[in-house]
Amino acid sequence: MEAQQKKDFLSQLSCATAVRAEKNYKGRCNRYRQDLQKLGAGGDKKKIVFYFRKGVIAKGDFALYYRIAENIVRTTDYEVYCVNNSYTEIQKNYLDSGIRFCDITEENIKTFENATFIAAYNQLFFLLEEIGKLKNAKILLLFLHPQIYHWMSLQVSPRFNDDSVFKALIRHNAYAFMDKANLIALQKHSGFKFEERYFPVVLDDMTHSDPTPPILDKNEINIAWFGRLDGDKIGSLTNFLDNLVDFPFDRPITVHLIGDGNAKDKIQLKKYAPQMRFVFNSYMYGADKDEYLTKNADLVVAMGICALNAAALRLPTVLPEISSGPCRTNKYILLCDSPAYCLGTNAEDIESLGCMTYNATDIIDLIYQGDNKREIGEKCYRYAMSNFAMENLAQNYLRLIEGSTLTVKQIKRNPSVARQLRTFGLYKTLRKNRKYADFLLFRQKLNVFAGLTFKGKIKKVLQLINMRLHKK
């Protein structure tokens, strides 16, 4: 029977009867076609890869990359990948978008040889750990946070020559900034003049048709904080609260916290009682988030994509100063007054933006005067829609991605990058199967010896040994 089937199959392999052969032997033809697709994967089709390091928790990175990736898939012939995806709550909305979700593995790494990788600047060495075997793949590095330079400095030695890396990025058009605040922050640490190349965040493809609701309760002040409560953001929240705590408002304040994180215990509730009370909500998404904000907040304090999501609801949106640690500054920007895509800035750089600022109490007084909630909410909405709509940014994203000429081979030849990779390689020879993240933890442990004399280092080692013995 099998021999007869094979004979019949072969007899039909002519151009005139190819269609009938496929119908008669559909199972075999499908398997054959799948095999060809596997062989053809990684061929001539151009690829764009949005890279996340494994275990990243920043929701904004995923939201930014997924929205842009979906648009590129829909409007171009590129194959678009998002790799190392860990934020499943957002990812599930894009499973049918045409984006290819995967990890980088030994089996598929070669298929990315001619791809362009987009990654945050402080994730450069995580990226090279995974794609270091490639040569011709290109890289576009993004400066997505005003403190990203500081975060990178924690990974490398004081001898790391940032300017040599920046020079390579400029020469090969391999960089972009999320907004002007990022450009200003980096410019302070560089001897080079950077071009204003912006890779801003983008709104969902949605508009909010409902008008701004009136003041919720004239006998109460209702504020929402919308964002993570992790160590890199908590200082911005507590600074805002500290600026309100001593002001003699004639009404109680309710602060609605939409978000969660490992630093929420740094909110000292007793410090703000009894005038301020807090409602903790953890993370909220989609329609649930929209309904909660519109029904419980007269103004929203947020940064990044969260600020745009609030503005899309026609709510007055306030951009805080960005601080990962305790600080006491008191200058805030209304989203509708923000320049060059800015969605938050370092406190020390706020004057350089040249826009109107308010202190925290003035912001609240402004919102609760007359019809200002509606007017400011509408301005924030119009600003967000005109500056952060995909239709206005799509070509700019592609221009930046296609414009980078920096290859993996070239960046690995940079002396400072090569030195960091050699140090990491030495660590791996001593500690088998360890990753770059492990290497960074090891560096942090070594920092306890920084600045000590030889005698001081010996004492420190003995002290650590003694502590370990006592634990046993």
Protein backbone atom coordinates (compact mmCIF):
# COMPACT_ATOMS: atom_id res chain seq x y z
CA MET A 1 0.00 0.00 0.00
CA GLU A 2 2.81 2.43 0.93
CA ALA A 3 4.67 1.64 -2.29
CA GLN A 4 1.54 2.32 -4.34
CA GLN A 5 0.99 5.67 -2.55
CA LYS A 6 4.56 6.66 -3.23
CA LYS A 7 4.20 5.73 -6.90
CA ASP A 8 1.00 7.74 -7.21
CA PHE A 9 2.62 10.72 -5.48
CA LEU A 10 5.62 10.71 -7.82
CA SER A 11 3.48 10.32 -10.90
CA GLN A 12 1.70 13.58 -10.12
CA LEU A 13 4.80 15.73 -9.75
CA SER A 14 4.39 17.74 -12.90
CA CYS A 15 3.71 21.44 -13.18
CA ALA A 16 0.23 20.83 -14.60
CA THR A 17 -0.90 18.58 -11.74
CA ALA A 18 0.92 20.17 -8.82
CA VAL A 19 -2.30 21.53 -7.32
CA ARG A 20 -4.00 18.13 -7.43
CA ALA A 21 -0.93 16.50 -5.91
CA GLU A 22 -1.10 18.91 -3.00
CA LYS A 23 -4.78 18.15 -2.44
CA ASN A 24 -4.29 14.38 -2.63
CA TYR A 25 -1.29 14.37 -0.35
CA LYS A 26 -2.07 17.36 1.82
CA GLY A 27 -0.36 16.00 4.89
CA ARG A 28 2.89 15.27 3.06
CA CYS A 29 2.82 18.55 1.20
CA ASN A 30 2.27 20.52 4.40
CA ARG A 31 5.20 18.79 6.07
CA TYR A 32 7.35 19.45 3.02
CA ARG A 33 6.37 23.11 3.00
CA GLN A 34 7.13 23.42 6.72
CA ASP A 35 10.56 21.89 6.15
CA LEU A 36 11.27 24.44 3.44
CA GLN A 37 10.17 27.23 5.76
CA LYS A 38 12.55 25.99 8.42
CA LEU A 39 15.39 25.86 5.92
CA GLY A 40 14.50 29.33 4.68
CA ALA A 41 14.25 30.88 8.14
CA GLY A 42 17.03 33.34 8.71
CA GLY A 43 17.40 33.94 5.00
CA ASP A 44 17.40 37.27 3.19
CA LYS A 45 14.40 38.86 4.90
CA LYS A 46 15.42 41.87 6.99
CA LYS A 47 14.99 41.58 10.74
CA ILE A 48 14.50 44.01 13.61
CA VAL A 49 14.96 42.72 17.15
CA PHE A 50 13.75 44.56 20.26
CA TYR A 51 15.93 43.33 23.09
CA PHE A 52 15.16 43.10 26.80
CA ARG A 53 17.55 41.64 29.32
CA LYS A 54 16.10 38.63 31.09
CA GLY A 55 14.11 39.37 34.24
CA VAL A 56 13.56 43.08 33.56
CA ILE A 57 10.62 44.56 35.50
CA ALA A 58 10.18 47.93 33.78
CA LYS A 59 6.74 47.83 32.20
CA GLY A 60 7.51 50.90 30.07
CA ASP A 61 10.17 49.13 28.00
CA PHE A 62 7.78 46.36 27.00
CA ALA A 63 4.89 48.71 26.25
CA LEU A 64 7.13 50.92 24.10
CA TYR A 65 8.73 48.10 22.13
CA TYR A 66 5.55 46.08 21.57
CA ARG A 67 3.61 49.04 20.16
CA ILE A 68 6.39 50.02 17.77
CA ALA A 69 7.05 46.40 16.78
CA GLU A 70 3.39 45.83 15.96
CA ASN A 71 3.32 48.87 13.68
CA ILE A 72 6.48 47.82 11.84
CA VAL A 73 5.06 44.34 11.25
CA ARG A 74 1.84 45.82 9.90
CA THR A 75 3.39 48.43 7.60
CA THR A 76 6.69 46.93 6.36
CA ASP A 77 8.26 43.68 5.16
CA TYR A 78 10.52 43.35 8.19
CA GLU A 79 10.47 40.31 10.42
CA VAL A 80 10.16 41.80 13.90
CA TYR A 81 11.22 39.98 17.06
CA CYS A 82 10.82 40.78 20.74
CA VAL A 83 13.20 38.58 22.71
CA ASN A 84 13.45 37.63 26.40
CA ASN A 85 9.87 38.59 27.21
CA SER A 86 8.88 38.38 30.85
CA TYR A 87 5.94 40.79 31.09
CA THR A 88 3.17 38.39 30.09
CA GLU A 89 0.34 40.72 31.12
CA ILE A 90 1.29 43.09 28.29
CA GLN A 91 2.59 40.45 25.88
CA LYS A 92 -0.71 38.57 25.72
CA ASN A 93 -2.27 41.56 23.94
CA TYR A 94 0.18 41.14 21.06
CA LEU A 95 0.22 37.38 20.50
CA ASP A 96 -1.73 37.73 17.24
CA SER A 97 0.11 40.84 16.06
CA GLY A 98 2.72 39.14 13.89
CA ILE A 99 5.53 39.92 16.34
CA ARG A 100 7.80 36.91 16.84
CA PHE A 101 8.35 36.26 20.54
CA CYS A 102 11.30 34.09 21.52
CA ASP A 103 14.51 33.81 23.52
CA ILE A 104 17.93 33.96 21.92
CA THR A 105 19.38 30.45 21.96
CA GLU A 106 22.32 28.53 20.55
CA GLU A 107 19.92 27.04 17.99
CA ASN A 108 18.59 30.32 16.57
CA ILE A 109 21.41 32.82 17.13
CA LYS A 110 22.76 32.55 13.57
CA THR A 111 19.42 33.59 12.10
CA PHE A 112 20.01 37.08 13.55
CA GLU A 113 23.35 37.69 11.81
CA ASN A 114 22.09 40.61 9.72
CA ALA A 115 19.42 41.89 12.11
CA THR A 116 19.32 45.28 13.82
CA PHE A 117 19.01 45.06 17.61
CA ILE A 118 17.36 47.85 19.62
CA ALA A 119 18.31 47.95 23.30
CA ALA A 120 18.61 50.35 26.20
CA TYR A 121 22.13 51.75 26.66
CA ASN A 122 22.58 50.23 30.11
CA GLN A 123 21.74 46.79 28.68
CA LEU A 124 24.62 46.81 26.17
CA PHE A 125 26.68 44.13 27.94
CA PHE A 126 23.64 41.94 28.59
CA LEU A 127 23.03 42.15 24.84
CA LEU A 128 26.64 41.35 23.90
CA GLU A 129 26.60 38.38 26.25
CA GLU A 130 23.83 36.89 24.12
CA ILE A 131 24.79 38.01 20.60
CA GLY A 132 28.56 38.25 20.93
CA LYS A 133 29.02 35.45 18.37
CA LEU A 134 27.47 37.61 15.66
CA LYS A 135 29.58 39.96 13.56
CA ASN A 136 27.42 41.90 11.15
CA ALA A 137 24.30 42.40 13.29
CA LYS A 138 23.77 46.10 13.98
CA ILE A 139 22.92 47.84 17.23
CA LEU A 140 20.84 50.91 18.09
CA LEU A 141 21.19 52.00 21.72
CA LEU A 142 18.46 54.02 23.40
CA PHE A 143 18.74 56.42 26.32
CA LEU A 144 15.38 55.81 27.96
CA HIS A 145 15.88 57.33 31.41
CA PRO A 146 17.73 60.44 32.67
CA GLN A 147 19.70 58.25 35.11
CA ILE A 148 20.71 55.62 32.56
CA TYR A 149 24.29 56.91 32.47
CA HIS A 150 24.51 56.41 36.22
CA TRP A 151 23.10 52.90 35.95
CA MET A 152 25.74 51.98 33.38
CA SER A 153 28.49 53.47 35.54
CA LEU A 154 27.56 51.00 38.30
CA GLN A 155 28.45 48.14 35.94
CA VAL A 156 31.93 49.24 34.94
CA SER A 157 35.20 50.33 36.51
CA PRO A 158 36.11 54.03 36.96
CA ARG A 159 38.57 53.56 34.08
CA PHE A 160 35.73 52.88 31.64
CA ASN A 161 36.04 55.50 28.87
CA ASP A 162 32.46 56.55 28.16
CA ASP A 163 33.51 59.12 25.61
CA SER A 164 35.14 56.46 23.43
CA VAL A 165 31.84 54.59 23.38
CA PHE A 166 29.85 57.76 22.72
CA LYS A 167 32.20 58.62 19.87
CA ALA A 168 31.43 55.27 18.24
CA LEU A 169 27.68 55.79 18.71
CA ILE A 170 27.85 59.22 17.09
CA ARG A 171 30.04 58.03 14.19
CA HIS A 172 27.65 55.20 13.35
CA ASN A 173 24.30 56.95 14.11
CA ALA A 174 23.70 54.24 16.70
CA TYR A 175 21.90 56.19 19.43
CA ALA A 176 18.61 57.91 20.19
CA PHE A 177 16.99 59.61 23.19
CA MET A 178 13.52 59.06 24.54
CA ASP A 179 13.21 62.82 25.12
CA LYS A 180 15.14 66.02 25.67
CA ALA A 181 15.55 65.33 29.39
CA ASN A 182 17.62 62.27 28.53
CA LEU A 183 19.74 64.26 26.10
CA ILE A 184 20.41 66.99 28.67
CA ALA A 185 21.30 64.46 31.37
CA LEU A 186 23.79 62.65 29.13
CA GLN A 187 25.28 65.83 27.70
CA LYS A 188 26.64 66.69 31.16
CA HIS A 189 28.77 63.53 31.17
CA SER A 190 30.09 63.75 27.64
CA GLY A 191 32.58 65.84 25.75
CA PHE A 192 30.55 65.44 22.57
CA LYS A 193 27.65 67.29 21.04
CA PHE A 194 24.77 64.89 20.47
CA GLU A 195 22.21 65.39 17.75
CA GLU A 196 18.59 65.62 18.89
CA ARG A 197 17.59 62.14 17.75
CA TYR A 198 14.37 61.20 19.54
CA PHE A 199 12.83 57.75 19.98
CA PRO A 200 9.83 58.77 22.10
CA VAL A 201 7.25 56.56 23.72
CA VAL A 202 4.00 56.14 21.84
CA LEU A 203 0.35 56.08 22.80
CA ASP A 204 -1.93 53.11 22.33
CA ASP A 205 -3.96 53.31 19.12
CA MET A 206 -6.93 54.63 21.04
CA THR A 207 -8.66 57.85 21.97
CA HIS A 208 -10.86 58.57 24.95
CA SER A 209 -14.11 60.12 23.82
CA ASP A 210 -15.52 60.91 27.28
CA PRO A 211 -15.02 64.47 28.53
CA THR A 212 -13.05 65.23 31.66
CA PRO A 213 -15.30 64.54 34.66
CA PRO A 214 -15.94 67.45 37.06
CA ILE A 215 -14.22 67.73 40.42
CA LEU A 216 -15.08 64.50 42.24
CA ASP A 217 -15.65 65.95 45.69
CA LYS A 218 -15.24 69.62 46.57
CA ASN A 219 -14.59 68.67 50.19
CA GLU A 220 -11.68 66.40 49.37
CA ILE A 221 -8.47 66.41 47.29
CA ASN A 222 -8.08 63.27 45.19
CA ILE A 223 -4.64 62.54 43.72
CA ALA A 224 -3.45 59.41 41.92
CA TRP A 225 0.10 58.14 41.67
CA PHE A 226 0.26 55.92 38.58
CA GLY A 227 3.46 53.87 38.31
CA ARG A 228 5.68 51.28 39.91
CA LEU A 229 6.63 51.53 43.58
CA ASP A 230 10.16 50.22 43.05
CA GLY A 231 13.44 51.72 44.19
CA ASP A 232 14.03 53.70 40.99
CA LYS A 233 10.72 55.59 41.33
CA ILE A 234 9.80 55.71 44.99
CA GLY A 235 11.86 58.84 45.67
CA SER A 236 9.76 60.78 43.18
CA LEU A 237 6.57 59.81 45.02
CA THR A 238 7.80 60.46 48.56
CA ASN A 239 9.26 63.81 47.52
CA PHE A 240 5.86 64.86 46.16
CA LEU A 241 4.13 63.75 49.37
CA ASP A 242 6.71 65.55 51.52
CA ASN A 243 5.95 68.75 49.65
CA LEU A 244 2.29 68.46 50.65
CA VAL A 245 2.49 67.23 54.21
CA ASP A 246 3.09 70.58 55.93
CA PHE A 247 0.79 72.67 53.79
CA PRO A 248 -2.41 73.73 55.63
CA PHE A 249 -5.00 72.52 53.12
CA ASP A 250 -8.57 73.02 54.27
CA ARG A 251 -9.53 69.56 52.96
CA PRO A 252 -8.22 66.03 53.52
CA ILE A 253 -6.12 64.43 50.79
CA THR A 254 -6.66 60.94 49.41
CA VAL A 255 -3.75 59.46 47.48
CA HIS A 256 -4.66 56.55 45.20
CA LEU A 257 -1.63 54.39 44.44
CA ILE A 258 -1.95 52.43 41.19
CA GLY A 259 1.13 50.23 41.01
CA ASP A 260 3.22 47.99 43.18
CA GLY A 261 6.84 47.29 43.94
CA ASN A 262 9.50 46.31 46.42
CA ALA A 263 9.90 49.83 47.85
CA LYS A 264 6.33 50.64 48.88
CA ASP A 265 7.23 50.16 52.54
CA LYS A 266 9.28 53.37 52.24
CA ILE A 267 6.02 55.31 52.24
CA GLN A 268 5.82 56.30 55.92
CA LEU A 269 2.06 56.37 56.39
CA LYS A 270 2.23 57.75 59.93
CA LYS A 271 4.27 60.68 58.69
CA TYR A 272 1.38 61.85 56.51
CA ALA A 273 -1.51 61.11 58.86
CA PRO A 274 -4.10 62.31 59.59
CA GLN A 275 -4.36 64.79 56.72
CA MET A 276 -3.47 62.25 54.04
CA ARG A 277 -4.86 58.78 53.58
CA PHE A 278 -3.73 56.16 51.06
CA VAL A 279 -5.55 53.64 48.91
CA PHE A 280 -3.26 50.86 47.60
CA ASN A 281 -4.43 49.19 44.38
CA SER A 282 -1.46 47.22 43.02
CA TYR A 283 -1.26 47.04 39.21
CA MET A 284 -4.29 47.75 37.04
CA TYR A 285 -4.69 47.43 33.29
CA GLY A 286 -6.99 48.36 30.43
CA ALA A 287 -10.57 49.33 31.14
CA ASP A 288 -10.22 48.64 34.88
CA LYS A 289 -7.38 51.12 35.13
CA ASP A 290 -9.20 53.74 33.04
CA GLU A 291 -12.39 53.47 35.09
CA TYR A 292 -10.56 53.68 38.40
CA LEU A 293 -8.59 56.77 37.42
CA THR A 294 -11.56 58.69 36.06
CA LYS A 295 -13.72 57.87 39.09
CA ASN A 296 -11.10 58.50 41.77
CA ALA A 297 -8.57 61.12 40.62
CA ASP A 298 -8.76 64.84 39.92
CA LEU A 299 -5.09 64.85 38.90
CA VAL A 300 -2.53 62.14 38.18
CA VAL A 301 1.19 62.19 39.02
CA ALA A 302 3.03 59.93 36.60
CA MET A 303 6.00 59.65 34.29
CA GLY A 304 6.79 57.87 31.04
CA ILE A 305 4.07 55.85 29.34
CA CYS A 306 1.93 56.01 32.50
CA ALA A 307 1.71 59.79 32.07
CA LEU A 308 0.45 59.38 28.51
CA ASN A 309 -2.14 56.80 29.58
CA ALA A 310 -3.43 59.25 32.17
CA ALA A 311 -3.53 62.13 29.67
CA ALA A 312 -5.44 59.93 27.22
CA LEU A 313 -8.28 59.99 29.79
CA ARG A 314 -8.33 63.80 29.67
CA LEU A 315 -7.06 64.02 33.25
CA PRO A 316 -4.61 66.73 34.38
CA THR A 317 -1.24 65.00 34.34
CA VAL A 318 1.72 66.13 36.45
CA LEU A 319 5.31 65.09 35.68
CA PRO A 320 7.44 64.63 38.83
CA GLU A 321 11.15 65.05 39.22
CA ILE A 322 12.91 61.73 38.73
CA SER A 323 14.75 60.44 41.78
CA SER A 324 15.62 56.94 42.94
CA GLY A 325 16.63 58.15 46.40
CA PRO A 326 15.47 60.65 49.02
CA CYS A 327 15.39 64.23 47.79
CA ARG A 328 13.62 67.48 48.57
CA THR A 329 12.93 69.57 45.53
CA ASN A 330 9.67 71.20 44.57
CA LYS A 331 9.30 71.80 40.84
CA TYR A 332 6.72 70.03 38.69
CA ILE A 333 5.66 70.24 35.06
CA LEU A 334 2.21 69.87 33.59
CA LEU A 335 2.36 67.45 30.67
CA CYS A 336 0.85 70.04 28.33
CA ASP A 337 3.82 72.37 29.04
CA SER A 338 6.51 69.72 28.51
CA PRO A 339 9.04 70.22 25.67
CA ALA A 340 10.52 67.72 23.19
CA TYR A 341 8.68 64.57 24.33
CA CYS A 342 9.74 64.98 28.00
CA LEU A 343 7.86 62.72 30.42
CA GLY A 344 9.96 63.36 33.54
CA THR A 345 13.41 64.80 34.25
CA ASN A 346 16.19 64.91 36.81
CA ALA A 347 15.64 67.64 39.37
CA GLU A 348 18.99 69.26 38.57
CA ASP A 349 18.16 69.43 34.86
CA ILE A 350 14.67 70.87 35.05
CA GLU A 351 15.80 74.47 34.52
CA SER A 352 17.57 73.47 31.31
CA LEU A 353 14.26 72.44 29.75
CA GLY A 354 13.09 76.05 29.79
CA CYS A 355 9.44 75.29 30.48
CA MET A 356 6.96 76.50 33.10
CA THR A 357 7.16 74.78 36.49
CA TYR A 358 4.98 74.78 39.59
CA ASN A 359 5.46 73.72 43.18
CA ALA A 360 3.28 70.88 44.43
CA THR A 361 0.78 73.00 46.36
CA ASP A 362 0.36 75.48 43.48
CA ILE A 363 -0.45 72.58 41.16
CA ILE A 364 -3.26 71.44 43.46
CA ASP A 365 -4.61 74.94 43.93
CA LEU A 366 -4.60 75.41 40.16
CA ILE A 367 -6.52 72.21 39.43
CA TYR A 368 -9.23 72.98 42.00
CA GLN A 369 -9.90 76.53 40.79
CA GLY A 370 -12.93 77.12 38.59
CA ASP A 371 -13.04 74.89 35.50
CA ASN A 372 -9.29 74.25 35.44
CA LYS A 373 -9.55 70.48 35.85
CA ARG A 374 -11.40 70.23 32.55
CA GLU A 375 -9.30 72.83 30.73
CA ILE A 376 -5.93 71.40 31.82
CA GLY A 377 -7.10 67.83 31.30
CA GLU A 378 -8.10 68.71 27.74
CA LYS A 379 -4.74 70.40 27.09
CA CYS A 380 -2.87 67.34 28.36
CA TYR A 381 -5.01 65.13 26.12
CA ARG A 382 -4.40 67.27 23.01
CA TYR A 383 -0.67 67.43 23.73
CA ALA A 384 -0.41 63.66 24.10
CA MET A 385 -2.40 62.95 20.95
CA SER A 386 -0.47 65.38 18.77
CA ASN A 387 3.03 64.46 19.98
CA PHE A 388 2.85 60.74 20.76
CA ALA A 389 0.54 59.25 18.13
CA MET A 390 2.01 56.35 16.17
CA GLU A 391 1.04 57.87 12.83
CA ASN A 392 3.30 60.86 13.57
CA LEU A 393 6.26 58.80 14.79
CA ALA A 394 6.37 55.61 12.69
CA GLN A 395 8.67 56.92 9.95
CA ASN A 396 11.00 58.46 12.52
CA TYR A 397 11.41 55.11 14.29
CA LEU A 398 12.30 53.36 11.04
CA ARG A 399 14.73 56.11 10.04
CA LEU A 400 16.64 55.71 13.31
CA ILE A 401 16.64 51.90 13.16
CA GLU A 402 17.74 51.73 9.54
CA GLY A 403 20.30 54.50 10.02
CA SER A 404 22.51 52.66 12.52
CA THR A 405 25.70 51.21 11.02
CA LEU A 406 27.32 50.05 14.27
CA THR A 407 27.96 46.30 14.15
CA VAL A 408 28.56 43.87 16.98
CA LYS A 409 32.10 43.36 15.70
CA GLN A 410 32.81 47.10 15.79
CA ILE A 411 31.47 47.76 19.30
CA LYS A 412 33.37 44.76 20.68
CA ARG A 413 36.59 46.28 19.32
CA ASN A 414 36.08 49.45 21.35
CA PRO A 415 38.87 49.37 24.00
CA SER A 416 36.59 50.07 26.97
CA VAL A 417 33.95 47.60 25.84
CA ALA A 418 36.61 44.98 25.12
CA ARG A 419 38.13 45.46 28.60
CA GLN A 420 34.74 44.98 30.27
CA LEU A 421 34.11 41.84 28.22
CA ARG A 422 37.55 40.45 29.10
CA THR A 423 36.90 41.03 32.79
CA PHE A 424 33.55 39.28 32.46
CA GLY A 425 35.25 36.44 30.56
CA LEU A 426 37.82 36.00 33.34
CA TYR A 427 35.01 35.82 35.88
CA LYS A 428 33.31 33.11 33.81
CA THR A 429 36.48 31.00 33.71
CA LEU A 430 36.49 31.04 37.51
CA ARG A 431 32.74 30.65 37.97
CA LYS A 432 31.35 28.28 35.35
CA ASN A 433 27.87 28.81 33.91
CA ARG A 434 27.48 32.24 35.47
CA LYS A 435 25.80 35.11 33.63
CA TYR A 436 26.51 38.81 33.27
CA ALA A 437 23.96 39.55 35.99
CA ASP A 438 25.96 37.33 38.37
CA PHE A 439 29.10 39.19 37.38
CA LEU A 440 27.51 42.52 38.35
CA LEU A 441 26.58 41.15 41.78
CA PHE A 442 30.18 40.02 42.17
CA ARG A 443 31.40 43.52 41.28
CA GLN A 444 29.11 45.01 43.90
CA LYS A 445 30.65 42.76 46.54
CA LEU A 446 34.12 43.89 45.47
CA ASN A 447 33.12 47.51 45.96
CA VAL A 448 33.39 47.05 49.74
CA PHE A 449 37.17 47.10 49.20
CA ALA A 450 37.16 50.32 47.18
CA GLY A 451 39.44 52.99 48.64
CA LEU A 452 40.96 50.68 51.29
CA THR A 453 44.69 50.32 51.80
CA PHE A 454 46.27 46.88 51.47
CA LYS A 455 46.15 46.53 55.27
CA GLY A 456 42.52 47.65 55.28
CA LYS A 457 41.65 45.05 52.64
CA ILE A 458 43.22 42.29 54.73
CA LYS A 459 41.20 43.39 57.76
CA LYS A 460 38.04 43.46 55.68
CA VAL A 461 38.65 39.92 54.39
CA LEU A 462 39.23 38.64 57.93
CA GLN A 463 36.10 40.40 59.10
CA LEU A 464 33.99 38.79 56.35
CA ILE A 465 35.47 35.35 57.08
CA ASN A 466 34.69 35.78 60.76
CA MET A 467 31.10 36.78 59.97
CA ARG A 468 30.64 33.69 57.79
CA LEU A 469 32.04 31.40 60.48
CA HIS A 470 29.63 32.84 63.05
CA LYS A 471 26.70 32.23 60.66
CA LYS A 472 27.64 28.55 60.43
